[in-house]
């Protein structure tokens, strides 16, 4: 076998190992598989010439990310009406582009590793952390599929209220290196040592867990799931039927809070039939039930926003308003230089205005409900910014989403894992009202307590208990963002560089 053929074979295995890491995050979390995938990556890196390590790391990253968000193809092809080849190419190029961070991290690890277990552990964890942070924040950031989500049901989940999803990912990278070293070791002592370190790292978080928040009152909630096919959502011939269903479900609720999904009402209030919006406000202004409804707001002069309107007792003719802050590239704003690509798609897209980072909560009885829209709950550091002032911090989180763009794909399960990780980081319950799923209630320990089957039309009744107090993660990331993790990652990389083996 030629060296070229062997290299191509190892690259192909790296793609498959990256795909296994993607599978570790949905439909259920498999932390053991994520760690094993990293171990395979490191074994492959050790089997190629040092100048080719970046190629293996990049192939792993492309398999991981492509296997994670392949469902973007559905929105581009089925709803954007792009040619199939261009849709596949766009998703593949995105996966390859975002895998560059891991390719660089892998190349630096091979170049700087010392062969000493402790320095190599710190170096690899630091480089993995930096790669994930770069993907999360550079060029608008798209951290979907971060490694830590695979551990939402495992022992590493206890680290969430301390270091968040990226800290969990760094620890899992260390475990992957220990597994690889243990398997590669030829001596019994080396294997036993690796096994002991793996056990210590895997079990230590269980001793660090704890309740950082306290129980408050309990809310009854009604969560709506309209299951409107995306190609019908803005079809004006079908709009009256879907609008009628949502309105009837809203008005029928007797709970403390009823929540309708993102753009459940896909028209501006002024575009609705005369008296409809005023009637909704009057209904919720007369009784104890309050409502959060996904609806676009704004005008041509001030700009339009993807928003949630809060209607309820005491509001009069005004209403609570939450405007989405973290917008989706290509979906809600057009990155510089990509107007041509958006013009090729036949989607109701546009440039929306951003809402404030720290938005007020919606008061429902004794609770403060903090809305977020669609993939905003992917950014725990932004949600945590609302927790700096404990007196106004949300006691319950509410996500409204529409993943109908991605069909009956694994995106629903992935988004549920993301929401569960946020509840662990912040120790707050979260309710999710979505168009196609997952419509659920999650407690502050990341456990789904109430669930509606995805891809059906229905109403979910649930009860959630609000929480007050601040986790260590919410305290430091709310004040400093992800900069402390950047500092830790850079410090670890510098330490590893200084300890590197001389050529």
Protein backbone atom coordinates (compact mmCIF):
# COMPACT_ATOMS: atom_id res chain seq x y z
CA UNK A 1 0.00 0.00 0.00
CA UNK A 2 1.41 3.39 -0.99
CA UNK A 3 1.80 6.18 1.55
CA UNK A 4 -0.79 8.22 -0.37
CA UNK A 5 -3.36 5.44 -0.29
CA UNK A 6 -2.75 4.86 3.40
CA UNK A 7 -3.21 8.56 4.14
CA UNK A 8 -6.46 8.69 2.20
CA UNK A 9 -7.70 5.67 4.15
CA UNK A 10 -6.90 7.33 7.47
CA UNK A 11 -8.63 10.52 6.35
CA UNK A 12 -11.74 8.50 5.45
CA UNK A 13 -11.71 6.87 8.90
CA UNK A 14 -11.38 10.35 10.46
CA UNK A 15 -14.52 11.46 8.62
CA UNK A 16 -16.38 8.42 9.98
CA UNK A 17 -15.08 9.10 13.51
CA UNK A 18 -16.33 12.69 13.22
CA UNK A 19 -19.70 11.35 12.11
CA UNK A 20 -19.76 9.14 15.21
CA UNK A 21 -19.22 12.25 17.34
CA UNK A 22 -22.21 13.88 15.62
CA UNK A 23 -24.28 10.78 16.40
CA UNK A 24 -23.26 11.02 20.06
CA UNK A 25 -25.44 14.14 20.41
CA UNK A 26 -28.78 12.94 19.05
CA UNK A 27 -31.34 11.51 19.10
CA UNK A 28 -30.03 10.86 22.63
CA UNK A 29 -26.84 11.93 24.38
CA UNK A 30 -24.05 9.34 24.30
CA UNK A 31 -21.10 10.82 26.16
CA UNK A 32 -19.09 7.61 25.97
CA UNK A 33 -19.27 7.68 22.17
CA UNK A 34 -18.12 11.27 22.02
CA UNK A 35 -15.05 10.45 24.14
CA UNK A 36 -14.33 7.37 22.05
CA UNK A 37 -14.55 9.44 18.86
CA UNK A 38 -11.92 11.84 20.17
CA UNK A 39 -9.70 8.89 21.12
CA UNK A 40 -9.96 7.56 17.55
CA UNK A 41 -9.06 11.00 16.21
CA UNK A 42 -5.93 11.09 18.35
CA UNK A 43 -4.97 7.55 17.32
CA UNK A 44 -5.27 8.56 13.66
CA UNK A 45 -3.21 11.69 14.28
CA UNK A 46 -0.47 9.53 15.76
CA UNK A 47 -0.51 7.31 12.67
CA UNK A 48 0.13 10.01 10.06
CA UNK A 49 3.24 12.07 9.36
CA UNK A 50 3.30 15.21 11.48
CA UNK A 51 2.83 17.62 8.54
CA UNK A 52 -0.42 15.81 7.63
CA UNK A 53 -2.02 15.96 11.09
CA UNK A 54 -4.10 19.00 10.11
CA UNK A 55 -5.68 16.97 7.31
CA UNK A 56 -6.89 14.30 9.74
CA UNK A 57 -8.18 16.91 12.19
CA UNK A 58 -9.98 18.77 9.42
CA UNK A 59 -11.53 15.54 8.09
CA UNK A 60 -12.77 14.66 11.58
CA UNK A 61 -14.23 18.15 11.96
CA UNK A 62 -15.93 18.00 8.57
CA UNK A 63 -17.48 14.63 9.40
CA UNK A 64 -18.55 15.89 12.83
CA UNK A 65 -20.10 19.13 11.64
CA UNK A 66 -21.52 17.80 8.40
CA UNK A 67 -23.09 14.94 10.34
CA UNK A 68 -24.47 17.45 12.84
CA UNK A 69 -26.16 20.04 10.62
CA UNK A 70 -26.73 18.13 7.37
CA UNK A 71 -30.39 19.11 7.73
CA UNK A 72 -29.57 22.61 6.47
CA UNK A 73 -29.85 20.92 3.07
CA UNK A 74 -33.61 20.56 3.62
CA UNK A 75 -34.17 24.30 4.05
CA UNK A 76 -31.97 25.19 1.09
CA UNK A 77 -33.37 22.59 -1.32
CA UNK A 78 -36.98 22.02 -0.27
CA UNK A 79 -37.89 25.52 0.86
CA UNK A 80 -35.18 27.68 -0.73
CA UNK A 81 -35.54 25.93 -4.09
CA UNK A 82 -31.79 25.82 -4.69
CA UNK A 83 -30.55 23.04 -6.99
CA UNK A 84 -29.72 19.88 -5.06
CA UNK A 85 -26.04 20.03 -6.03
CA UNK A 86 -25.71 23.61 -4.83
CA UNK A 87 -27.52 22.82 -1.56
CA UNK A 88 -25.19 19.90 -0.86
CA UNK A 89 -22.17 21.99 -1.80
CA UNK A 90 -23.23 24.87 0.47
CA UNK A 91 -23.62 22.59 3.51
CA UNK A 92 -20.37 20.77 2.74
CA UNK A 93 -18.44 24.01 2.35
CA UNK A 94 -19.83 25.32 5.64
CA UNK A 95 -18.75 22.12 7.42
CA UNK A 96 -15.28 22.27 5.86
CA UNK A 97 -14.87 25.97 6.66
CA UNK A 98 -15.83 25.49 10.31
CA UNK A 99 -13.58 22.43 10.62
CA UNK A 100 -10.53 24.64 9.99
CA UNK A 101 -10.42 25.53 13.70
CA UNK A 102 -10.05 21.87 14.70
CA UNK A 103 -7.55 21.28 11.89
CA UNK A 104 -5.34 24.04 13.30
CA UNK A 105 -5.77 22.74 16.86
CA UNK A 106 -4.76 19.22 15.78
CA UNK A 107 -1.72 20.47 13.89
CA UNK A 108 -0.53 22.52 16.88
CA UNK A 109 -1.04 19.61 19.25
CA UNK A 110 1.11 17.31 17.16
CA UNK A 111 3.77 19.98 16.83
CA UNK A 112 3.85 20.96 20.51
CA UNK A 113 3.10 17.73 22.42
CA UNK A 114 5.81 16.67 24.83
CA UNK A 115 4.93 13.02 25.43
CA UNK A 116 4.37 13.79 29.13
CA UNK A 117 0.81 12.96 30.12
CA UNK A 118 -0.03 16.01 32.21
CA UNK A 119 1.35 18.64 29.85
CA UNK A 120 -0.22 16.91 26.85
CA UNK A 121 -3.59 16.70 28.63
CA UNK A 122 -3.55 20.42 29.33
CA UNK A 123 -2.35 21.26 25.84
CA UNK A 124 -4.99 19.14 24.06
CA UNK A 125 -7.82 20.37 26.30
CA UNK A 126 -6.74 23.99 25.76
CA UNK A 127 -6.51 23.65 21.98
CA UNK A 128 -9.87 21.86 21.79
CA UNK A 129 -11.40 24.61 23.93
CA UNK A 130 -9.97 27.35 21.74
CA UNK A 131 -11.23 25.62 18.58
CA UNK A 132 -14.77 25.40 19.97
CA UNK A 133 -14.70 29.00 21.21
CA UNK A 134 -13.51 30.20 17.82
CA UNK A 135 -16.34 28.36 16.07
CA UNK A 136 -18.80 29.82 18.58
CA UNK A 137 -17.79 33.45 18.19
CA UNK A 138 -15.84 34.21 15.01
CA UNK A 139 -17.74 35.20 11.84
CA UNK A 140 -21.10 35.45 13.66
CA UNK A 141 -20.57 32.07 15.37
CA UNK A 142 -22.34 28.77 14.79
CA UNK A 143 -21.58 26.49 17.78
CA UNK A 144 -24.33 23.96 16.99
CA UNK A 145 -23.10 20.50 17.95
CA UNK A 146 -20.50 21.51 20.56
CA UNK A 147 -18.98 18.40 22.14
CA UNK A 148 -20.36 19.10 25.61
CA UNK A 149 -23.95 18.45 24.50
CA UNK A 150 -23.17 14.74 24.30
CA UNK A 151 -22.75 14.72 28.08
CA UNK A 152 -26.07 16.20 29.17
CA UNK A 153 -27.07 12.84 30.70
CA UNK A 154 -23.63 11.77 31.92
CA UNK A 155 -21.44 12.52 34.94
CA UNK A 156 -19.80 15.48 33.22
CA UNK A 157 -23.17 17.27 33.27
CA UNK A 158 -22.40 18.21 36.88
CA UNK A 159 -19.78 20.62 35.51
CA UNK A 160 -22.40 22.65 33.62
CA UNK A 161 -23.23 25.13 36.43
CA UNK A 162 -19.49 25.74 36.84
CA UNK A 163 -17.89 25.90 33.38
CA UNK A 164 -20.72 25.47 30.86
CA UNK A 165 -20.83 23.46 27.68
CA UNK A 166 -17.36 24.47 26.45
CA UNK A 167 -15.72 23.55 29.74
CA UNK A 168 -17.41 20.16 29.56
CA UNK A 169 -16.09 19.76 26.02
CA UNK A 170 -12.53 20.48 27.16
CA UNK A 171 -12.75 17.84 29.91
CA UNK A 172 -14.17 15.32 27.44
CA UNK A 173 -11.20 16.03 25.15
CA UNK A 174 -8.88 15.13 28.03
CA UNK A 175 -10.76 11.89 28.54
CA UNK A 176 -10.37 11.10 24.87
CA UNK A 177 -6.61 11.55 25.10
CA UNK A 178 -6.45 9.33 28.18
CA UNK A 179 -8.39 6.59 26.39
CA UNK A 180 -6.06 6.80 23.40
CA UNK A 181 -2.94 6.72 25.57
CA UNK A 182 -4.30 3.82 27.61
CA UNK A 183 -5.03 1.73 24.53
CA UNK A 184 -1.71 2.61 22.93
CA UNK A 185 0.28 1.80 26.07
CA UNK A 186 2.22 -1.46 25.90
CA UNK A 187 2.77 -1.78 29.63
CA UNK A 188 0.30 -2.77 32.31
CA UNK A 189 1.33 0.17 34.50
CA UNK A 190 0.58 2.65 31.72
CA UNK A 191 -2.85 1.18 31.08
CA UNK A 192 -3.72 1.09 34.77
CA UNK A 193 -2.58 4.68 35.19
CA UNK A 194 -4.71 5.83 32.26
CA UNK A 195 -7.71 3.92 33.61
CA UNK A 196 -7.33 5.56 37.02
CA UNK A 197 -7.09 9.04 35.50
CA UNK A 198 -10.13 8.37 33.30
CA UNK A 199 -12.14 7.27 36.32
CA UNK A 200 -11.06 10.29 38.33
CA UNK A 201 -11.93 12.75 35.57
CA UNK A 202 -15.24 11.07 34.80
CA UNK A 203 -16.41 10.79 38.40
CA UNK A 204 -15.00 13.98 39.92
CA UNK A 205 -17.78 16.19 38.50
CA UNK A 206 -20.37 14.13 40.38
CA UNK A 207 -18.85 15.40 43.63
CA UNK A 208 -18.89 19.01 42.43
CA UNK A 209 -22.62 19.22 41.72
CA UNK A 210 -25.06 21.04 43.92
CA UNK A 211 -28.07 23.30 44.06
CA UNK A 212 -27.11 26.92 43.52
CA UNK A 213 -30.69 28.08 43.12
CA UNK A 214 -33.80 27.99 45.30
CA UNK A 215 -37.39 27.09 44.50
CA UNK A 216 -40.02 29.80 44.09
CA UNK A 217 -43.66 29.58 43.09
CA UNK A 218 -45.19 27.22 40.56
CA UNK A 219 -46.71 28.19 37.22
CA UNK A 220 -49.24 26.34 35.13
CA UNK A 221 -48.41 26.69 31.43
CA UNK A 222 -50.04 25.85 28.11
CA UNK A 223 -47.62 25.27 25.22
CA UNK A 224 -48.87 25.31 21.62
CA UNK A 225 -47.48 23.26 18.74
CA UNK A 226 -49.17 24.17 15.46
CA UNK A 227 -47.20 21.75 13.22
CA UNK A 228 -47.58 24.06 10.23
CA UNK A 229 -45.54 22.82 7.24
CA UNK A 230 -42.97 25.44 6.35
CA UNK A 231 -44.16 25.74 2.77
CA UNK A 232 -47.65 26.58 4.11
CA UNK A 233 -46.62 28.98 6.86
CA UNK A 234 -46.62 32.02 4.57
CA UNK A 235 -49.18 30.64 2.12
CA UNK A 236 -52.02 33.15 2.37
CA UNK A 237 -54.54 30.60 1.13
CA UNK A 238 -53.79 28.41 4.17
CA UNK A 239 -53.12 31.21 6.64
CA UNK A 240 -56.71 31.65 7.89
CA UNK A 241 -56.91 28.01 9.04
CA UNK A 242 -53.58 27.99 10.90
CA UNK A 243 -54.22 31.42 12.38
CA UNK A 244 -57.65 30.30 13.55
CA UNK A 245 -56.20 27.23 15.30
CA UNK A 246 -53.61 29.26 17.17
CA UNK A 247 -56.15 31.90 18.19
CA UNK A 248 -58.63 29.32 19.50
CA UNK A 249 -55.89 27.54 21.47
CA UNK A 250 -54.68 30.82 22.95
CA UNK A 251 -58.15 31.89 24.02
CA UNK A 252 -59.04 28.46 25.43
CA UNK A 253 -56.11 28.34 27.87
CA UNK A 254 -56.89 28.60 31.58
CA UNK A 255 -53.26 28.34 32.68
CA UNK A 256 -51.18 31.09 34.26
CA UNK A 257 -49.25 31.39 31.00
CA UNK A 258 -49.92 30.27 27.43
CA UNK A 259 -47.02 30.28 24.94
CA UNK A 260 -47.29 30.18 21.14
CA UNK A 261 -44.29 29.38 18.90
CA UNK A 262 -42.01 31.64 16.90
CA UNK A 263 -44.07 33.56 14.31
CA UNK A 264 -47.18 31.64 15.32
CA UNK A 265 -48.82 34.79 13.97
CA UNK A 266 -46.73 35.39 10.82
CA UNK A 267 -48.15 38.84 10.13
CA UNK A 268 -47.58 42.24 11.69
CA UNK A 269 -50.39 43.21 14.11
CA UNK A 270 -51.43 45.96 11.68
CA UNK A 271 -51.82 43.38 8.89
CA UNK A 272 -54.26 41.21 10.87
CA UNK A 273 -58.02 41.46 10.33
CA UNK A 274 -59.40 44.57 11.96
CA UNK A 275 -60.01 44.16 15.68
CA UNK A 276 -58.20 40.82 16.01
CA UNK A 277 -55.08 42.11 17.80
CA UNK A 278 -57.10 44.46 19.99
CA UNK A 279 -59.40 41.57 20.85
CA UNK A 280 -56.47 39.44 21.95
CA UNK A 281 -55.17 42.22 24.16
CA UNK A 282 -58.59 42.76 25.66
CA UNK A 283 -59.04 39.05 26.39
CA UNK A 284 -55.76 38.65 28.22
CA UNK A 285 -56.19 42.03 29.89
CA UNK A 286 -59.38 40.88 31.65
CA UNK A 287 -58.36 37.56 33.18
CA UNK A 288 -55.51 35.97 35.11
CA UNK A 289 -53.95 34.21 32.08
CA UNK A 290 -51.03 35.81 30.33
CA UNK A 291 -49.71 35.00 26.86
CA UNK A 292 -46.39 35.01 25.03
CA UNK A 293 -46.92 34.97 21.26
CA UNK A 294 -44.33 34.80 18.49
CA UNK A 295 -45.07 37.62 16.04
CA UNK A 296 -43.05 39.99 13.81
CA UNK A 297 -43.12 43.61 14.95
CA UNK A 298 -41.93 46.98 13.67
CA UNK A 299 -42.35 49.13 10.61
CA UNK A 300 -40.42 50.26 7.55
CA UNK A 301 -39.09 53.36 9.29
CA UNK A 302 -37.74 51.75 12.47
CA UNK A 303 -37.08 48.29 11.05
CA UNK A 304 -38.70 44.92 11.65
CA UNK A 305 -37.95 42.44 14.42
CA UNK A 306 -38.52 38.77 15.10
CA UNK A 307 -40.34 39.18 18.38
CA UNK A 308 -42.40 37.77 21.20
CA UNK A 309 -45.35 39.84 22.40
CA UNK A 310 -46.54 39.43 25.98
CA UNK A 311 -50.22 40.04 26.65
CA UNK A 312 -51.72 40.02 30.11
CA UNK A 313 -53.63 41.57 32.98
CA UNK A 314 -52.69 45.13 33.76
CA UNK A 315 -51.08 45.79 30.40
CA UNK A 316 -53.93 47.83 28.99
CA UNK A 317 -53.45 48.61 25.31
CA UNK A 318 -49.67 48.22 25.55
CA UNK A 319 -47.90 44.89 25.58
CA UNK A 320 -44.60 43.40 26.66
CA UNK A 321 -42.11 43.06 23.81
CA UNK A 322 -39.04 40.88 23.41
CA UNK A 323 -37.01 41.35 20.21
CA UNK A 324 -34.59 38.66 19.11
CA UNK A 325 -30.98 39.68 19.70
CA UNK A 326 -28.89 36.92 18.12
CA UNK A 327 -30.01 36.76 14.51
CA UNK A 328 -29.49 33.83 12.13
CA UNK A 329 -27.08 34.51 9.25
CA UNK A 330 -28.86 34.27 5.87
CA UNK A 331 -32.19 33.73 7.65
CA UNK A 332 -32.56 37.03 9.51
CA UNK A 333 -29.64 39.06 8.26
CA UNK A 334 -27.47 38.84 5.18
CA UNK A 335 -23.70 38.69 5.80
CA UNK A 336 -21.59 41.11 3.76
CA UNK A 337 -20.94 39.78 0.28
CA UNK A 338 -23.64 37.09 0.27
CA UNK A 339 -26.60 38.98 -1.16
CA UNK A 340 -26.24 36.97 -4.41
CA UNK A 341 -26.70 33.70 -2.51
CA UNK A 342 -29.83 34.88 -0.70
CA UNK A 343 -31.27 36.22 -3.95
CA UNK A 344 -31.09 32.70 -5.39
CA UNK A 345 -33.38 31.38 -2.67
CA UNK A 346 -37.12 31.84 -2.75
CA UNK A 347 -37.58 32.34 0.98
CA UNK A 348 -39.30 35.07 3.01
CA UNK A 349 -35.97 36.28 4.40
CA UNK A 350 -34.73 39.74 5.20
CA UNK A 351 -32.59 41.95 7.34
CA UNK A 352 -34.12 42.22 10.81
CA UNK A 353 -33.19 44.69 13.51
CA UNK A 354 -31.53 43.32 16.67
CA UNK A 355 -33.08 43.54 20.08
CA UNK A 356 -31.08 44.38 23.22
CA UNK A 357 -28.77 41.78 24.76
CA UNK A 358 -30.23 42.24 28.24
CA UNK A 359 -34.00 42.31 27.88
CA UNK A 360 -36.50 42.65 30.72
CA UNK A 361 -38.49 39.62 31.81
CA UNK A 362 -42.22 39.13 31.39
CA UNK A 363 -43.90 39.10 34.80
CA UNK A 364 -46.42 36.31 35.35
CA UNK A 365 -47.71 36.32 38.92
CA UNK A 366 -44.67 35.97 41.19
CA UNK A 367 -42.43 34.70 38.36
CA UNK A 368 -40.24 36.47 35.83
CA UNK A 369 -40.27 34.69 32.47
CA UNK A 370 -37.28 35.29 30.18
CA UNK A 371 -38.09 34.58 26.52
CA UNK A 372 -35.60 33.60 23.85
CA UNK A 373 -36.26 32.84 20.20
CA UNK A 374 -35.15 29.81 18.20
CA UNK A 375 -31.40 29.19 18.38
CA UNK A 376 -30.76 32.00 20.86
CA UNK A 377 -30.66 29.32 23.55
CA UNK A 378 -27.50 28.07 21.83
CA UNK A 379 -25.65 31.01 23.40
CA UNK A 380 -25.62 30.46 27.14
CA UNK A 381 -23.28 33.40 27.65
CA UNK A 382 -25.91 35.73 26.20
CA UNK A 383 -28.74 34.31 28.29
CA UNK A 384 -26.53 34.61 31.38
CA UNK A 385 -26.18 38.37 30.82
CA UNK A 386 -29.73 38.67 32.18
CA UNK A 387 -28.61 37.18 35.51
CA UNK A 388 -26.17 39.91 36.55
CA UNK A 389 -28.93 41.69 38.48
CA UNK A 390 -30.43 38.98 40.68
CA UNK A 391 -33.50 41.11 41.44
CA UNK A 392 -34.58 41.15 37.77
CA UNK A 393 -33.12 37.83 36.58
CA UNK A 394 -35.57 35.37 34.96
CA UNK A 395 -36.94 32.68 37.24
CA UNK A 396 -38.27 30.70 34.25
CA UNK A 397 -36.94 30.58 30.67
CA UNK A 398 -39.21 30.26 27.64
CA UNK A 399 -37.99 29.30 24.18
CA UNK A 400 -40.22 29.78 21.13
CA UNK A 401 -38.97 28.10 17.96
CA UNK A 402 -39.84 27.04 14.45
CA UNK A 403 -37.66 24.18 13.17
CA UNK A 404 -40.14 23.45 10.40
CA UNK A 405 -37.42 24.68 8.02
CA UNK A 406 -35.60 21.39 8.58
CA UNK A 407 -38.40 18.87 8.13
CA UNK A 408 -38.68 15.76 10.27
CA UNK A 409 -34.95 15.68 10.95
CA UNK A 410 -32.70 15.16 13.92
CA UNK A 411 -32.52 18.95 14.41
CA UNK A 412 -35.48 18.67 16.81
CA UNK A 413 -33.61 16.27 19.11
CA UNK A 414 -30.42 18.32 18.91
CA UNK A 415 -32.22 21.51 19.88
CA UNK A 416 -33.78 19.77 22.86
CA UNK A 417 -30.32 18.76 24.12
CA UNK A 418 -29.20 22.37 23.72
CA UNK A 419 -32.09 23.64 25.83
CA UNK A 420 -31.46 20.99 28.49
CA UNK A 421 -27.82 22.07 28.77
CA UNK A 422 -28.91 25.69 29.30
CA UNK A 423 -31.15 24.63 32.20
CA UNK A 424 -28.15 22.87 33.75
CA UNK A 425 -25.85 25.86 33.30
CA UNK A 426 -28.33 28.36 34.75
CA UNK A 427 -30.38 26.02 36.95
CA UNK A 428 -33.61 27.46 35.64
CA UNK A 429 -36.58 25.58 34.21
CA UNK A 430 -37.35 26.15 30.55
CA UNK A 431 -40.57 25.72 28.62
CA UNK A 432 -40.42 25.31 24.85
CA UNK A 433 -43.32 26.11 22.53
CA UNK A 434 -42.37 25.13 18.99
CA UNK A 435 -44.03 24.74 15.62
CA UNK A 436 -42.95 21.12 15.01
CA UNK A 437 -41.07 20.13 18.20
CA UNK A 438 -39.66 19.65 20.67
CA UNK A 439 -42.48 21.20 22.71
CA UNK A 440 -41.56 20.34 26.30
CA UNK A 441 -41.14 21.52 29.87
CA UNK A 442 -37.65 21.03 31.37
CA UNK A 443 -36.84 21.40 35.05
CA UNK A 444 -33.74 23.11 36.45
CA UNK A 445 -31.82 19.81 36.47
CA UNK A 446 -32.21 19.28 32.75
CA UNK A 447 -34.97 16.67 33.06
CA UNK A 448 -37.88 16.76 30.61
CA UNK A 449 -40.98 16.63 32.82
CA UNK A 450 -43.68 17.13 30.16
CA UNK A 451 -43.44 16.34 26.46
CA UNK A 452 -45.57 16.59 23.34
CA UNK A 453 -44.76 14.26 20.44
CA UNK A 454 -43.02 16.15 17.60
CA UNK A 455 -44.57 16.75 14.19
CA UNK A 456 -48.16 16.68 15.42
CA UNK A 457 -50.59 19.50 16.15
CA UNK A 458 -51.39 19.70 19.82
CA UNK A 459 -51.42 21.49 23.15
CA UNK A 460 -49.23 20.60 26.12
CA UNK A 461 -50.30 21.41 29.67
CA UNK A 462 -47.51 21.50 32.23
CA UNK A 463 -46.44 22.90 35.58
CA UNK A 464 -43.04 24.44 36.20
CA UNK A 465 -41.39 25.67 39.37
CA UNK A 466 -39.52 28.93 39.15
CA UNK A 467 -36.04 29.26 40.65
CA UNK A 468 -33.98 32.13 42.05
CA UNK A 469 -30.28 32.37 42.76
CA UNK A 470 -27.19 32.31 40.55
CA UNK A 471 -24.91 29.49 39.45
CA UNK A 472 -21.13 30.09 39.28
CA UNK A 473 -21.36 29.84 35.48
CA UNK A 474 -24.12 32.46 35.28
CA UNK A 475 -22.13 34.75 37.60
CA UNK A 476 -18.86 34.81 35.69
CA UNK A 477 -20.10 34.44 32.13
CA UNK A 478 -22.85 37.02 32.67
CA UNK A 479 -20.23 39.61 33.62
CA UNK A 480 -17.27 38.67 31.46
CA UNK A 481 -18.71 36.63 28.63
CA UNK A 482 -16.54 33.78 27.38
CA UNK A 483 -13.30 35.72 27.90
CA UNK A 484 -12.29 33.74 31.01
CA UNK A 485 -12.39 30.54 28.93
CA UNK A 486 -10.32 32.21 26.21
CA UNK A 487 -7.75 33.15 28.84
CA UNK A 488 -7.68 29.61 30.25
CA UNK A 489 -7.37 28.13 26.76
CA UNK A 490 -4.57 30.48 25.74
CA UNK A 491 -2.74 29.91 29.02
CA UNK A 492 -2.96 26.15 28.55
CA UNK A 493 -1.72 26.44 24.97
CA UNK A 494 1.24 28.59 26.04
CA UNK A 495 2.06 26.13 28.83
CA UNK A 496 1.99 23.25 26.35
CA UNK A 497 4.13 25.19 23.88
CA UNK A 498 6.75 25.87 26.53
CA UNK A 499 6.78 22.19 27.54
CA UNK A 500 6.97 20.95 23.95
CA UNK A 501 9.52 18.36 22.95
CA UNK A 502 12.42 19.82 21.01
CA UNK A 503 12.68 18.64 17.39
